[in-house]
Each structure stands twice: as C-alpha cells, then as structure tokens.
Protein backbone atom coordinates (compact mmCIF):
# COMPACT_ATOMS: atom_id res chain seq x y z
CA UNK A 1 4.61 -35.65 18.83
CA UNK A 2 4.61 -31.83 18.73
CA UNK A 3 1.48 -29.82 17.83
CA UNK A 4 3.50 -28.17 14.85
CA UNK A 5 4.65 -31.65 13.61
CA UNK A 6 0.96 -32.99 13.63
CA UNK A 7 -0.17 -29.74 11.74
CA UNK A 8 2.53 -30.07 9.01
CA UNK A 9 1.82 -33.91 8.66
CA UNK A 10 -1.99 -33.02 7.98
CA UNK A 11 -0.98 -30.29 5.55
CA UNK A 12 1.42 -32.73 3.64
CA UNK A 13 -1.43 -35.35 3.44
CA UNK A 14 -4.01 -32.88 2.21
CA UNK A 15 -1.67 -31.43 -0.50
CA UNK A 16 0.16 -34.39 -1.82
CA UNK A 17 -2.54 -36.97 -1.56
CA UNK A 18 -5.73 -35.05 -2.24
CA UNK A 19 -4.24 -32.13 -4.05
CA UNK A 20 -6.94 -29.86 -2.49
CA UNK A 21 -6.84 -26.02 -1.82
CA UNK A 22 -4.62 -24.50 0.68
CA UNK A 23 -6.89 -21.52 1.44
CA UNK A 24 -5.41 -18.63 3.44
CA UNK A 25 -8.56 -16.42 3.41
CA UNK A 26 -7.95 -14.00 6.37
CA UNK A 27 -10.20 -12.02 8.67
CA UNK A 28 -9.68 -8.48 7.66
CA UNK A 29 -10.55 -7.37 11.21
CA UNK A 30 -7.35 -8.80 12.67
CA UNK A 31 -5.02 -5.76 13.10
CA UNK A 32 -1.86 -7.84 12.64
CA UNK A 33 -2.79 -8.37 8.83
CA UNK A 34 -3.40 -4.61 8.24
CA UNK A 35 0.08 -3.32 8.77
CA UNK A 36 3.49 -4.12 7.53
CA UNK A 37 5.50 -6.94 9.27
CA UNK A 38 8.29 -4.40 9.77
CA UNK A 39 8.03 -2.55 13.15
CA UNK A 40 6.76 0.89 12.83
CA UNK A 41 7.68 1.60 16.50
CA UNK A 42 4.26 2.57 17.29
CA UNK A 43 3.45 4.76 20.34
CA UNK A 44 0.33 6.44 21.43
CA UNK A 45 0.40 9.65 23.38
CA UNK A 46 -1.93 12.22 24.45
CA UNK A 47 -1.01 15.87 23.60
CA UNK A 48 -2.39 19.38 24.61
CA UNK A 49 -4.58 20.97 21.95
CA UNK A 50 -4.89 24.53 21.05
CA UNK A 51 -4.57 26.61 24.19
CA UNK A 52 -7.52 28.82 23.58
CA UNK A 53 -9.70 25.67 23.96
CA UNK A 54 -7.77 23.29 26.07
CA UNK A 55 -8.32 19.46 25.75
CA UNK A 56 -6.11 16.55 25.24
CA UNK A 57 -5.58 14.93 21.94
CA UNK A 58 -4.91 11.38 21.17
CA UNK A 59 -1.92 10.96 18.70
CA UNK A 60 -0.46 7.90 17.17
CA UNK A 61 3.02 8.07 16.25
CA UNK A 62 5.13 5.89 13.88
CA UNK A 63 8.86 6.17 13.03
CA UNK A 64 11.35 4.02 11.18
CA UNK A 65 14.01 2.23 13.05
CA UNK A 66 16.90 4.34 14.27
CA UNK A 67 17.41 7.51 16.34
CA UNK A 68 16.45 10.09 13.71
CA UNK A 69 16.00 13.00 13.60
CA UNK A 70 13.30 12.28 11.11
CA UNK A 71 11.39 14.69 8.89
CA UNK A 72 7.82 14.80 10.10
CA UNK A 73 4.55 14.03 8.35
CA UNK A 74 1.27 14.85 10.21
CA UNK A 75 -1.59 12.67 8.56
CA UNK A 76 -5.19 13.80 9.38
CA UNK A 77 -8.07 11.31 9.55
CA UNK A 78 -11.35 11.42 7.86
CA UNK A 79 -14.81 10.69 9.54
CA UNK A 80 -17.01 7.77 9.34
CA UNK A 81 -20.43 9.63 9.18
CA UNK A 82 -22.23 6.48 10.13
CA UNK A 83 -20.76 6.64 13.60
CA UNK A 84 -20.63 8.96 16.39
CA UNK A 85 -17.15 10.82 16.50
CA UNK A 86 -16.25 9.12 19.86
CA UNK A 87 -16.89 5.64 18.15
CA UNK A 88 -14.50 6.24 15.29
CA UNK A 89 -11.46 4.09 15.84
CA UNK A 90 -8.10 5.52 16.39
CA UNK A 91 -6.54 6.34 12.93
CA UNK A 92 -3.83 3.65 12.20
CA UNK A 93 -4.48 1.79 9.07
CA UNK A 94 -3.64 3.90 6.05
CA UNK A 95 -1.25 3.38 3.18
CA UNK A 96 -0.30 7.09 3.40
CA UNK A 97 1.63 6.11 6.57
CA UNK A 98 3.26 3.16 5.18
CA UNK A 99 4.54 5.31 2.17
CA UNK A 100 6.00 8.02 4.45
CA UNK A 101 7.66 5.61 6.57
CA UNK A 102 9.30 3.99 3.45
CA UNK A 103 10.63 7.49 2.58
CA UNK A 104 12.16 7.71 6.05
CA UNK A 105 9.59 10.22 7.74
CA UNK A 106 8.15 9.96 11.21
CA UNK A 107 4.28 10.01 10.97
CA UNK A 108 2.14 11.50 13.53
CA UNK A 109 -1.76 10.68 13.34
CA UNK A 110 -3.74 13.00 15.61
CA UNK A 111 -7.36 12.42 16.52
CA UNK A 112 -9.40 15.54 16.25
CA UNK A 113 -11.14 16.60 19.43
CA UNK A 114 -14.40 14.49 20.02
CA UNK A 115 -12.90 11.55 17.84
CA UNK A 116 -11.71 8.27 19.43
CA UNK A 117 -9.52 8.89 22.55
CA UNK A 118 -9.37 12.63 22.21
CA UNK A 119 -11.21 14.95 24.64
CA UNK A 120 -13.71 17.48 23.86
CA UNK A 121 -16.54 17.48 21.30
CA UNK A 122 -16.64 17.74 17.66
CA UNK A 123 -17.54 21.30 16.67
CA UNK A 124 -20.35 22.11 14.02
CA UNK A 125 -20.60 25.71 12.69
CA UNK A 126 -23.25 25.00 10.22
CA UNK A 127 -22.38 26.21 6.54
CA UNK A 128 -19.20 28.07 7.99
CA UNK A 129 -16.87 25.35 6.99
CA UNK A 130 -14.03 27.67 7.33
CA UNK A 131 -14.40 28.22 11.13
CA UNK A 132 -14.65 24.35 11.34
CA UNK A 133 -11.45 23.89 9.46
CA UNK A 134 -9.38 26.52 11.08
CA UNK A 135 -10.32 25.58 14.63
CA UNK A 136 -9.15 21.98 13.73
CA UNK A 137 -6.11 23.35 12.15
CA UNK A 138 -5.07 25.18 15.47
CA UNK A 139 -5.20 21.73 17.16
CA UNK A 140 -3.02 20.19 14.35
CA UNK A 141 -0.60 23.15 14.95
CA UNK A 142 -0.54 22.34 18.70
CA UNK A 143 0.32 18.57 17.72
CA UNK A 144 3.03 19.78 15.35
CA UNK A 145 4.57 21.99 18.22
CA UNK A 146 4.68 18.89 20.50
CA UNK A 147 6.32 16.80 17.94
CA UNK A 148 8.88 19.46 17.08
CA UNK A 149 9.89 19.24 20.80
CA UNK A 150 10.76 15.55 20.41
CA UNK A 151 14.55 14.72 19.89
CA UNK A 152 13.81 12.24 17.19
CA UNK A 153 11.98 14.81 15.04
CA UNK A 154 13.66 17.26 12.53
CA UNK A 155 11.13 20.10 13.19
CA UNK A 156 12.34 22.12 10.24
CA UNK A 157 11.03 19.73 7.49
CA UNK A 158 7.34 19.13 8.06
CA UNK A 159 4.66 18.07 5.68
CA UNK A 160 0.87 18.03 6.62
CA UNK A 161 -1.57 15.73 4.82
CA UNK A 162 -5.05 14.63 5.29
CA UNK A 163 -7.89 12.40 3.81
CA UNK A 164 -11.51 13.58 3.47
CA UNK A 165 -12.33 15.59 6.56
CA UNK A 166 -8.73 15.48 7.32
CA UNK A 167 -7.92 16.86 3.98
CA UNK A 168 -10.15 19.95 4.59
CA UNK A 169 -8.40 20.51 7.83
CA UNK A 170 -5.02 20.28 6.00
CA UNK A 171 -6.08 23.01 3.69
CA UNK A 172 -7.32 25.07 6.65
CA UNK A 173 -3.88 24.69 8.21
CA UNK A 174 -2.54 26.50 5.18
CA UNK A 175 -3.95 29.97 6.43
CA UNK A 176 -1.74 29.64 9.54
CA UNK A 177 1.16 29.73 7.14
CA UNK A 178 3.60 27.86 9.60
CA UNK A 179 7.17 28.37 8.25
CA UNK A 180 8.31 24.89 9.01
CA UNK A 181 5.40 23.28 6.95
CA UNK A 182 6.69 22.96 3.49
CA UNK A 183 3.97 21.31 1.77
CA UNK A 184 0.17 20.31 2.06
CA UNK A 185 -1.22 16.96 0.60
CA UNK A 186 -5.09 16.76 0.29
CA UNK A 187 -6.61 13.24 -0.36
CA UNK A 188 -10.25 13.67 -1.39
CA UNK A 189 -10.70 16.51 1.01
CA UNK A 190 -13.97 18.12 2.01
CA UNK A 191 -16.52 18.44 4.52
CA UNK A 192 -20.35 17.86 4.63
CA UNK A 193 -22.31 19.22 7.43
CA UNK A 194 -25.72 17.88 8.22
CA UNK A 195 -26.84 21.24 9.39
CA UNK A 196 -25.85 22.89 6.16
CA UNK A 197 -28.35 22.88 3.39
CA UNK A 198 -25.63 23.00 0.62
CA UNK A 199 -22.34 21.87 1.74
CA UNK A 200 -20.76 21.85 -1.74
CA UNK A 201 -21.32 25.50 -2.23
CA UNK A 202 -19.93 26.30 1.16
CA UNK A 203 -16.93 24.08 0.18
CA UNK A 204 -16.11 26.07 -2.79
CA UNK A 205 -16.40 29.24 -0.74
CA UNK A 206 -14.40 27.99 2.04
CA UNK A 207 -11.65 26.68 -0.51
CA UNK A 208 -11.43 30.29 -1.95
CA UNK A 209 -11.01 31.71 1.50
CA UNK A 210 -7.98 29.21 2.23
CA UNK A 211 -6.50 29.87 -1.18
CA UNK A 212 -6.30 33.64 -0.69
CA UNK A 213 -4.50 33.18 2.48
CA UNK A 214 -2.10 30.26 1.93
CA UNK A 215 1.45 30.48 0.67
CA UNK A 216 2.24 26.84 1.19
CA UNK A 217 2.33 24.61 -1.99
CA UNK A 218 -0.18 21.86 -2.00
CA UNK A 219 -1.16 18.86 -4.22
CA UNK A 220 -4.78 17.63 -4.43
CA UNK A 221 -5.99 14.02 -5.30
CA UNK A 222 -9.49 13.34 -6.48
CA UNK A 223 -11.22 10.55 -8.35
CA UNK A 224 -14.34 10.50 -10.60
CA UNK A 225 -16.25 7.98 -8.68
CA UNK A 226 -15.88 9.45 -5.28
CA UNK A 227 -19.10 8.43 -3.36
CA UNK A 228 -18.76 11.26 -0.81
CA UNK A 229 -17.86 14.38 -2.94
CA UNK A 230 -19.01 14.80 -6.48
CA UNK A 231 -16.56 15.61 -9.24
CA UNK A 232 -18.57 18.89 -9.74
CA UNK A 233 -17.91 19.83 -6.04
CA UNK A 234 -14.21 19.09 -5.82
CA UNK A 235 -13.37 20.75 -9.24
CA UNK A 236 -15.33 23.78 -8.08
CA UNK A 237 -13.36 23.84 -4.78
CA UNK A 238 -9.88 23.53 -6.36
CA UNK A 239 -10.62 26.13 -9.18
CA UNK A 240 -11.87 28.68 -6.45
CA UNK A 241 -8.79 27.85 -4.24
CA UNK A 242 -6.23 28.27 -7.33
CA UNK A 243 -8.11 31.38 -8.69
CA UNK A 244 -7.76 32.95 -5.15
CA UNK A 245 -3.88 32.55 -5.48
CA UNK A 246 -3.50 29.19 -3.57
CA UNK A 247 -0.52 27.37 -5.01
CA UNK A 248 -1.97 24.08 -5.86
CA UNK A 249 -1.43 21.21 -8.21
CA UNK A 250 -4.59 18.81 -9.08
CA UNK A 251 -4.31 15.21 -9.74
CA UNK A 252 -7.64 14.03 -11.25
CA UNK A 253 -7.02 10.26 -11.65
CA UNK A 254 -10.40 8.94 -12.87
CA UNK A 255 -12.16 5.99 -11.38
CA UNK A 256 -10.54 3.85 -8.63
CA UNK A 257 -11.94 0.55 -7.29
CA UNK A 258 -15.55 0.99 -6.35
CA UNK A 259 -14.97 4.28 -4.59
CA UNK A 260 -12.04 6.66 -5.26
CA UNK A 261 -12.64 8.22 -1.96
CA UNK A 262 -10.91 5.19 -0.30
CA UNK A 263 -7.75 5.69 -2.44
CA UNK A 264 -5.52 5.20 0.70
CA UNK A 265 -7.20 1.98 1.58
CA UNK A 266 -5.84 -0.26 -1.09
CA UNK A 267 -2.13 -0.99 -2.14
CA UNK A 268 -3.05 -0.38 -5.66
CA UNK A 269 -3.73 3.28 -4.81
CA UNK A 270 0.10 3.66 -4.22
CA UNK A 271 0.64 3.34 -8.08
CA UNK A 272 -1.50 6.36 -8.70
CA UNK A 273 -0.50 8.76 -5.87
CA UNK A 274 3.04 7.56 -4.74
CA UNK A 275 5.01 8.77 -7.86
CA UNK A 276 3.04 12.18 -7.88
CA UNK A 277 3.94 12.59 -4.13
CA UNK A 278 7.51 11.68 -4.84
CA UNK A 279 7.76 14.45 -7.39
CA UNK A 280 5.93 16.96 -5.22
CA UNK A 281 8.41 16.28 -2.32
CA UNK A 282 11.32 16.50 -4.74
CA UNK A 283 10.20 20.10 -5.78
CA UNK A 284 10.12 20.81 -1.96
CA UNK A 285 13.72 19.50 -1.45
CA UNK A 286 12.32 16.83 0.88
CA UNK A 287 13.12 13.08 0.93
CA UNK A 288 11.30 11.24 -1.76
CA UNK A 289 13.26 8.01 -2.37
CA UNK A 290 12.43 4.63 -0.93
CA UNK A 291 14.71 4.18 2.02
CA UNK A 292 12.87 1.39 3.95
CA UNK A 293 11.22 -0.97 1.41
CA UNK A 294 10.03 -3.18 4.15
CA UNK A 295 7.10 -0.70 4.80
CA UNK A 296 5.67 -1.19 1.27
CA UNK A 297 3.55 -4.16 -0.14
CA UNK A 298 4.88 -6.23 -3.07
CA UNK A 299 4.35 -4.42 -6.35
CA UNK A 300 1.11 -5.49 -8.04
CA UNK A 301 1.82 -7.31 -11.33
CA UNK A 302 0.24 -5.59 -14.45
CA UNK A 303 -3.07 -6.83 -15.76
CA UNK A 304 -2.95 -9.16 -18.80
CA UNK A 305 -5.56 -10.26 -21.30
CA UNK A 306 -5.10 -13.86 -20.56
CA UNK A 307 -8.84 -14.30 -19.75
CA UNK A 308 -12.01 -12.75 -18.33
CA UNK A 309 -11.74 -12.58 -14.52
CA UNK A 310 -14.86 -14.68 -13.98
CA UNK A 311 -13.91 -17.28 -16.72
CA UNK A 312 -13.37 -20.13 -14.24
CA UNK A 313 -12.66 -22.70 -17.05
CA UNK A 314 -9.60 -20.58 -18.27
CA UNK A 315 -7.81 -20.89 -15.00
CA UNK A 316 -5.00 -23.50 -15.56
CA UNK A 317 -4.14 -26.59 -13.43
CA UNK A 318 -7.38 -26.54 -11.40
CA UNK A 319 -9.14 -29.69 -10.12
CA UNK A 320 -12.91 -29.58 -9.84
CA UNK A 321 -12.74 -28.62 -6.11
CA UNK A 322 -10.43 -25.74 -6.87
CA UNK A 323 -12.69 -24.42 -9.28
CA UNK A 324 -15.11 -23.88 -6.65
CA UNK A 325 -12.35 -22.31 -4.64
CA UNK A 326 -11.87 -19.68 -7.44
CA UNK A 327 -15.46 -18.90 -7.47
CA UNK A 328 -15.41 -18.24 -3.78
CA UNK A 329 -12.41 -16.02 -4.38
CA UNK A 330 -14.36 -13.99 -6.85
CA UNK A 331 -16.96 -13.20 -4.17
CA UNK A 332 -14.38 -12.11 -1.54
CA UNK A 333 -13.99 -8.36 -0.92
CA UNK A 334 -10.84 -6.33 -2.04
CA UNK A 335 -8.03 -6.65 -1.57
CA UNK A 336 -7.41 -10.25 -2.54
CA UNK A 337 -5.02 -12.52 -4.35
CA UNK A 338 -5.22 -15.81 -6.15
CA UNK A 339 -2.18 -17.91 -6.76
CA UNK A 340 -1.58 -21.56 -7.98
CA UNK A 341 1.06 -24.14 -8.71
CA UNK A 342 1.45 -26.55 -11.69
CA UNK A 343 0.50 -29.45 -9.50
CA UNK A 344 -2.89 -27.99 -8.48
CA UNK A 345 -2.27 -26.29 -5.11
CA UNK A 346 -4.20 -23.14 -4.76
CA UNK A 347 -3.65 -20.25 -2.32
CA UNK A 348 -6.35 -17.57 -1.90
CA UNK A 349 -6.00 -14.64 0.54
CA UNK A 350 -8.12 -11.66 1.11
CA UNK A 351 -7.97 -8.55 3.33
CA UNK A 352 -5.04 -6.74 4.99
CA UNK A 353 -1.90 -4.74 4.24
CA UNK A 354 -0.46 -7.17 1.66
CA UNK A 355 -2.64 -10.39 0.61
CA UNK A 356 -0.17 -11.08 -2.19
CA UNK A 357 2.83 -11.37 -0.03
CA UNK A 358 0.94 -13.52 2.42
CA UNK A 359 -0.01 -15.85 -0.29
CA UNK A 360 3.63 -16.18 -1.59
CA UNK A 361 4.78 -16.85 1.90
CA UNK A 362 2.14 -19.60 2.18
CA UNK A 363 3.38 -21.14 -1.05
CA UNK A 364 6.96 -20.90 0.32
CA UNK A 365 6.01 -22.67 3.42
CA UNK A 366 4.58 -25.48 1.49
CA UNK A 367 7.67 -25.51 -0.83
CA UNK A 368 5.55 -24.74 -3.87
CA UNK A 369 6.34 -22.62 -6.77
CA UNK A 370 3.21 -20.60 -7.14
CA UNK A 371 2.38 -17.89 -9.69
CA UNK A 372 -0.26 -15.24 -9.35
CA UNK A 373 -3.45 -15.70 -11.42
CA UNK A 374 -5.52 -12.74 -10.20
CA UNK A 375 -5.23 -9.71 -7.99
CA UNK A 376 -8.40 -7.90 -6.90
CA UNK A 377 -10.38 -7.54 -10.09
CA UNK A 378 -7.53 -8.13 -12.62
CA UNK A 379 -6.17 -11.41 -14.11
CA UNK A 380 -2.32 -11.14 -14.15
CA UNK A 381 -1.59 -14.40 -15.42
CA UNK A 382 1.03 -14.67 -18.17
CA UNK A 383 0.96 -17.55 -20.75
CA UNK A 384 3.92 -19.95 -20.30
CA UNK A 385 6.70 -19.30 -22.98
CA UNK A 386 6.02 -21.27 -26.14
CA UNK A 387 8.19 -24.37 -26.37
CA UNK A 388 10.16 -24.52 -29.81
CA UNK A 389 9.54 -27.75 -31.86
CA UNK A 390 12.02 -30.54 -31.89
CA UNK A 391 14.77 -30.04 -34.35
CA UNK A 392 16.49 -33.56 -33.99
CA UNK A 393 19.79 -31.78 -33.99
CA UNK A 394 21.24 -34.65 -31.81
CA UNK A 395 20.13 -37.31 -29.58
CA UNK A 396 18.94 -35.93 -26.16
CA UNK A 397 21.52 -37.96 -24.24
CA UNK A 398 24.51 -37.12 -26.70
CA UNK A 399 26.40 -34.85 -24.29
CA UNK A 400 29.21 -34.33 -26.72
CA UNK A 401 26.89 -32.84 -29.38
CA UNK A 402 25.90 -29.85 -27.09
CA UNK A 403 27.71 -26.83 -28.41
CA UNK A 404 29.75 -24.31 -26.25
CA UNK A 405 30.00 -26.46 -23.11
CA UNK A 406 33.01 -26.42 -20.86
CA UNK A 407 33.75 -29.71 -18.82
CA UNK A 408 31.61 -28.21 -16.01
CA UNK A 409 28.82 -27.41 -18.54
CA UNK A 410 28.91 -31.04 -19.73
CA UNK A 411 28.43 -32.22 -16.11
CA UNK A 412 25.41 -29.79 -15.80
CA UNK A 413 23.85 -31.36 -18.69
CA UNK A 414 24.34 -34.79 -17.61
CA UNK A 415 22.57 -33.89 -14.30
CA UNK A 416 19.96 -32.16 -16.28
CA UNK A 417 19.17 -35.49 -17.96
CA UNK A 418 18.45 -36.95 -14.62
CA UNK A 419 16.01 -34.43 -13.37
CA UNK A 420 12.12 -34.66 -13.54
CA UNK A 421 9.89 -32.94 -15.99
CA UNK A 422 9.14 -30.07 -16.77
CA UNK A 423 12.65 -28.88 -17.46
CA UNK A 424 14.78 -26.58 -19.61
CA UNK A 425 18.46 -26.36 -20.58
CA UNK A 426 19.85 -23.09 -22.23
CA UNK A 427 23.26 -22.17 -23.35
CA UNK A 428 24.92 -19.08 -24.42
CA UNK A 429 27.91 -18.76 -26.92
CA UNK A 430 30.29 -17.99 -24.12
CA UNK A 431 29.47 -21.27 -22.24
CA UNK A 432 26.87 -19.96 -19.72
CA UNK A 433 24.41 -22.55 -18.69
CA UNK A 434 20.91 -22.09 -17.33
CA UNK A 435 19.04 -25.15 -15.99
CA UNK A 436 15.50 -24.90 -14.77
CA UNK A 437 13.60 -27.81 -13.26
CA UNK A 438 9.91 -28.07 -12.38
CA UNK A 439 7.32 -25.42 -11.62
CA UNK A 440 5.57 -23.22 -13.96
CA UNK A 441 7.33 -22.27 -17.21
CA UNK A 442 10.80 -23.51 -16.73
CA UNK A 443 11.86 -22.25 -20.32
CA UNK A 444 10.60 -18.59 -19.37
CA UNK A 445 12.46 -18.67 -16.01
CA UNK A 446 15.68 -19.78 -17.83
CA UNK A 447 15.36 -16.85 -20.36
CA UNK A 448 14.82 -14.41 -17.53
CA UNK A 449 17.76 -15.71 -15.57
CA UNK A 450 20.10 -15.37 -18.69
CA UNK A 451 18.70 -11.75 -19.20
CA UNK A 452 19.44 -10.71 -15.69
CA UNK A 453 23.13 -11.83 -16.39
CA UNK A 454 23.01 -9.96 -19.62
CA UNK A 455 23.53 -13.16 -21.62
CA UNK A 456 22.09 -14.16 -24.89
CA UNK A 457 20.97 -17.81 -24.13
CA UNK A 458 19.02 -20.08 -26.31
CA UNK A 459 17.30 -23.27 -25.28
CA UNK A 460 18.93 -26.42 -26.27
CA UNK A 461 16.57 -29.00 -24.71
CA UNK A 462 13.22 -28.82 -23.19
CA UNK A 463 11.53 -31.74 -21.45
CA UNK A 464 12.72 -34.65 -23.56
CA UNK A 465 13.18 -32.82 -26.77
CA UNK A 466 16.33 -31.25 -28.33
CA UNK A 467 15.17 -27.85 -29.85
CA UNK A 468 18.40 -26.53 -30.68
CA UNK A 469 19.02 -24.90 -34.19
CA UNK A 470 22.51 -23.82 -34.92
CA UNK A 471 22.63 -19.87 -35.26
C-alpha cells in the first residue's frame, strides 16, 4: 500500500465518519507559502554600486515568463530597526512585486549597502536625511543602469517605488531626474535616525529639498494608524514637497489592519493601492492592466453583516469540535481564512501569500463544496437564498405538468427527482434548465448560473416541494 493511499484513507475516515476539522493552519515562515504558485523566474545577482563609493549590491530579480523586453520597476526595501542591517533578510516577499508582475513588469529588488548580502555599511548622517537619501539613490541609479543593459529589459520605461526607508530613498532618486524614470511610488516613506533628536522635522525639510529638485511625477500612500510615522509627520512632509514644486499625489487611506505601515504585507492592501497605481501608470502611458492574473491572490469577498466575527454560535453547520476550531482561528495571526461545508467539514488556513486559495484547494482535494465564512477580521458569509413556500402547483413527480420543457428538459427533471437533497430545479420561458444538487444554497447557485447566461429563470422545485407559481 502506497504512502499517499494510506494518507487519503485516513483523511476519508476522519471526514466522513467523525466529521472533524480538516485544519490547514500553515507555518508563515515557510517561503513557499509566501509567494504565488506561478514562477517568478527569480534570480539573485550582485551589481556594482555607485562608482564614487564602490561596493557590490545584492539584487533580486523577478520577471514574468517570456523573453521580454519588459518595462522595469525597481522596488526599494524598508528597514527592520530591531535588527542590524546585515541581519535584515533579502527583500523578496511584497505584494508590490506581485502586483507589477501581474501587469507585465520585471521587478528588481536591490538591497542597500550594509543590508543582507550587500557590501559596505549603512551610512548615518544624523539629521541630514537628504544626504542619506541621495547617496542611497545613487546606488539605486547604479542598479538601474545594470538592469537597462539586460536584453530582457525595456530600459526606456522605468518606475521606481519603495516602502518606508525605501520610500524615502525613492523620493531622493527624484533629484537625479533620470529621463527613463517615468514615475515614483512612495509607500509610507520616511526615515528615523537614532542620532537625530527630531527626525520628523528633518523629514519635512528633506521632503522640501527633494520636491524643489524633482520633475518626475509621484504618488504617495500613507495610513492614519502608521506605527512608524505619525500622520502629522507624513502630512507635513507631503505638504513641504508639493509646496516646493514636486509633482505629487497623496492617497491618505485611513486605517489599515493593525498598522498601515505594513500596507504591502497583506492581500487586502491591493484593493486600496492597486487601482490608484493603475490610474497613475495610465497617466504615464505605462502598462496598467492585468496581463498575468496568476501572480495575484484570489479577490477577497466583501464583508457582510451576517454576524459578529466572535459570535461562534452564529457559524452554521459546526459541530462542537469545530466550534473550538473556529475559536482557535480567531486567535491566529493575519492573513487567515475560515471555510466550511454543509456537512460540517471545516478548513482553516493562516499566513502566506493567499490563505483563501489554499483553503479552497484543500476543499477541492476533499471533493467538498466549501464557502468562505471569515477572512481576516471580517465575516463574509452570505445567508442562503430564501426558499419559496410550496405552491402545490402539481405533484412533485408529475413531469408533464412542468412548463416550458423540451423532451431533453423532461429527462433532466426525471433525473433531478432521483438526486439527493438539497437540490433545486429552475426553468426559463425559453426552456433553459438549471439543476443544482448538494452543497450550500443550491437555489442561489442555480439563480447565479442563469444570470450568467442572461436567462430569467424561476425555481420550479426545491428539495421535495414544487414552488412554482404561474407568471
């Protein structure tokens, strides 16, 4: 007996005889869970830095499949202040990279000098945040020149973006006014120096310096619950930048998760900044439409008012054991997803690139029709479609009484009568039939199937009742 056969035998026994949870809570530290399943053609290279201060810089490169040439995005990293620069990991896991890959860009993620695998030391210039930014910007320019020399890169179409410390360095790059750089994107950009008594005042002054010398359009993203830069600080920096003449658009999006500074760390952030960046790129006549959807997570369902997130008793179909599983889910870190089926199977996933997709795949392997109950901190469960009352239009098994049916449609209704509950049989005036068997809300699924075919279907029978009323 093979190992896989024994494994699936155990799963069958657990699900169908004990109806316990199939929990897929994953280790967020596993790199394979933190990136799309589609190949990003990752390569790691070392690149010469600014020639005035030569070191070698570590750069991670992602590209879509194909020969290119691809327009280029340089995405600049932040800094984990709790670690020494050398102990910061190589910058790899960011939804900004996945977004740009989905739009057909190559993405280069350089490590600044002194960080991860790059040579040299991180430079400190006290409250002179301009010098810190411009020196890093010259290293970014060196990476740009290296990338432009690659045959798979369209070096005439370049965007530079950055998060936090990387956002500040991105704004600093603007003063170099490189012709091929068409736009700058700043995600929560700024810098806090331990040897500067008032970094926020220096940030505003530095932003004014950058704005006075920058002609490249930019877009800035900041949230209200940023735990690194106060709203007062980033608004002051933006106002000084714009007042000095820097062409910039501010997107102040309010609160996000527990810390808006990590906007790029969650798939939900894409709904906030993705459309804004699309519009920004369109103004620059750069690619802004999805060309490779395989790099994006599944869209997050909208929150509903079905129940409070912590109302365990409101979750349908749960056994006592699975109620505890839901309590455990509520204690898990974000991102996370909780799915369930009508026969009590539960799938809970947490962490990684797309916990919702992993949960759906787990249900598919178990041949279960699951629906999403909760994503992160939101209940997204939709109440099943209300079933109309029985009308006694005809006996359930009276096939001849069913209106509009062709001979093939009558055969489908006879087959419907043999199928298990729950079930729904719908018809339209032009003879279209929709039959849905099993799972959650077969009536709702039937109505949606008709809607996709632009058909006005009405239910004839649901479960064991005829619910048809003549129009």
